[in-house]
Amino acid sequence: MLRSSPLFQDALSDKHLNRPSPDPADPLNFSNSRKIAILALMALYAFVTNVSSSIISSALPTLVTAFATFPERGPPTGIVPFSKLTHLIAVNNLFLGAANIWWVPLGNSKYHSMQLTVHMLMMR
């Protein structure tokens, strides 16, 4: 029943498929092994970015008392609450995901040269 619907037949038509150009640098002309290697590298990059942003989580219990002072009399001071330390991970991961909300549309708009300029200034 689904195969006979006009929407399904339209999806199977060749008019929506991209045709490779004669240019050897066209990604549609890449070999399957090269396409798989590119996909694997992109997946590895996404994995390493998230792992490296949260690798500090193993040190959080130590950081609770890292800046504490223990006077002879009175309560210790400078103890950072654990809930505040988790912001080190949460905010970083939040901006890793949320940055796409504004950088991708900005890059696809007419302001792509401004985006490159801002990136270059941030790397400076």
Protein backbone atom coordinates (compact mmCIF):
# COMPACT_ATOMS: atom_id res chain seq x y z
CA MET A 1 0.00 0.00 0.00
CA LEU A 2 2.83 2.40 0.84
CA ARG A 3 4.71 1.62 -2.37
CA SER A 4 1.72 2.61 -4.46
CA SER A 5 1.33 6.04 -2.85
CA PRO A 6 2.43 9.01 -4.98
CA LEU A 7 4.63 10.38 -2.19
CA PHE A 8 6.61 7.15 -2.02
CA GLN A 9 7.00 7.04 -5.80
CA ASP A 10 8.16 10.66 -5.79
CA ALA A 11 10.76 9.81 -3.15
CA LEU A 12 12.08 6.99 -5.33
CA SER A 13 12.40 9.15 -8.42
CA ASP A 14 15.86 10.18 -9.59
CA LYS A 15 15.13 13.88 -9.70
CA HIS A 16 15.97 14.28 -5.99
CA LEU A 17 19.31 12.47 -6.15
CA ASN A 18 22.52 14.46 -6.59
CA ARG A 19 24.58 13.62 -9.63
CA PRO A 20 28.36 13.54 -9.22
CA SER A 21 30.26 16.13 -11.19
CA PRO A 22 33.38 15.29 -13.21
CA ASP A 23 35.49 17.06 -10.56
CA PRO A 24 37.61 14.52 -8.62
CA ALA A 25 37.34 16.72 -5.49
CA ASP A 26 33.56 16.27 -5.45
CA PRO A 27 32.65 14.21 -2.34
CA LEU A 28 30.21 12.17 -4.42
CA ASN A 29 33.21 10.87 -6.39
CA PHE A 30 35.11 9.70 -3.29
CA SER A 31 35.69 5.99 -2.83
CA ASN A 32 33.65 4.19 -0.21
CA SER A 33 36.74 3.66 1.96
CA ARG A 34 37.48 7.40 1.90
CA LYS A 35 33.87 8.24 2.79
CA ILE A 36 33.97 5.78 5.70
CA ALA A 37 37.30 7.23 6.88
CA ILE A 38 35.87 10.76 6.83
CA LEU A 39 32.78 9.62 8.72
CA ALA A 40 34.92 7.80 11.30
CA LEU A 41 37.09 10.89 11.84
CA MET A 42 34.04 13.10 12.30
CA ALA A 43 32.55 10.65 14.82
CA LEU A 44 35.88 10.43 16.66
CA TYR A 45 36.07 14.22 16.83
CA ALA A 46 32.58 14.45 18.32
CA PHE A 47 33.41 11.73 20.85
CA VAL A 48 36.75 13.21 21.92
CA THR A 49 35.26 16.69 22.29
CA ASN A 50 32.60 15.46 24.71
CA VAL A 51 35.01 13.25 26.63
CA SER A 52 37.62 15.98 26.97
CA SER A 53 35.04 18.46 28.18
CA SER A 54 33.88 16.13 30.94
CA ILE A 55 37.22 14.56 31.88
CA ILE A 56 37.49 16.95 34.81
CA SER A 57 34.60 15.12 36.47
CA SER A 58 36.98 12.61 38.05
CA ALA A 59 38.73 15.48 39.86
CA LEU A 60 35.58 17.12 41.22
CA PRO A 61 35.64 15.35 44.62
CA THR A 62 39.21 16.56 45.13
CA LEU A 63 38.38 20.11 44.04
CA VAL A 64 35.72 20.41 46.75
CA THR A 65 38.41 20.87 49.38
CA ALA A 66 41.30 22.00 47.15
CA PHE A 67 40.82 25.66 48.02
CA ALA A 68 39.72 25.12 51.60
CA THR A 69 41.53 26.50 54.62
CA PHE A 70 41.20 24.78 57.96
CA PRO A 71 41.81 27.24 60.77
CA GLU A 72 42.58 25.97 64.26
CA ARG A 73 39.35 27.43 65.56
CA GLY A 74 36.13 27.73 63.69
CA PRO A 75 34.67 26.06 60.64
CA PRO A 76 36.71 25.51 57.49
CA THR A 77 36.41 28.19 54.85
CA GLY A 78 36.80 28.12 51.08
CA ILE A 79 35.03 24.83 50.53
CA VAL A 80 33.35 24.93 47.14
CA PRO A 81 30.02 23.08 47.00
CA PHE A 82 29.95 20.09 44.67
CA SER A 83 26.85 21.43 42.93
CA LYS A 84 28.78 24.55 41.98
CA LEU A 85 31.72 22.54 40.66
CA THR A 86 29.49 20.58 38.31
CA HIS A 87 28.90 23.84 36.44
CA LEU A 88 32.43 23.40 35.06
CA ILE A 89 31.14 20.47 33.03
CA ALA A 90 27.54 21.50 32.48
CA VAL A 91 28.23 24.95 31.05
CA ASN A 92 30.96 23.63 28.76
CA ASN A 93 28.74 20.89 27.36
CA LEU A 94 25.82 23.30 27.06
CA PHE A 95 27.83 25.68 24.91
CA LEU A 96 29.25 22.83 22.82
CA GLY A 97 25.69 22.00 21.78
CA ALA A 98 24.16 25.47 21.84
CA ALA A 99 26.88 27.06 19.74
CA ASN A 100 25.40 25.34 16.69
CA ILE A 101 22.19 27.27 17.22
CA TRP A 102 23.84 30.55 16.34
CA TRP A 103 27.04 29.66 14.44
CA VAL A 104 25.47 27.43 11.78
CA PRO A 105 22.74 29.89 10.70
CA LEU A 106 25.25 32.71 10.85
CA GLY A 107 27.66 30.75 8.69
CA ASN A 108 24.95 29.94 6.18
CA SER A 109 23.82 33.55 5.95
CA LYS A 110 25.45 36.48 4.22
CA TYR A 111 27.57 37.12 7.31
CA HIS A 112 29.89 34.14 6.85
CA SER A 113 32.94 36.41 6.42
CA MET A 114 32.11 38.08 9.74
CA GLN A 115 31.91 34.66 11.36
CA LEU A 116 35.37 33.76 10.07
CA THR A 117 36.73 37.07 11.35
CA VAL A 118 35.28 36.46 14.82
CA HIS A 119 36.79 32.95 14.85
CA MET A 120 40.18 34.28 13.88
CA LEU A 121 40.03 36.93 16.60
CA MET A 122 39.05 34.30 19.18
CA MET A 123 42.02 32.13 18.20
CA ARG A 124 44.42 35.01 18.52
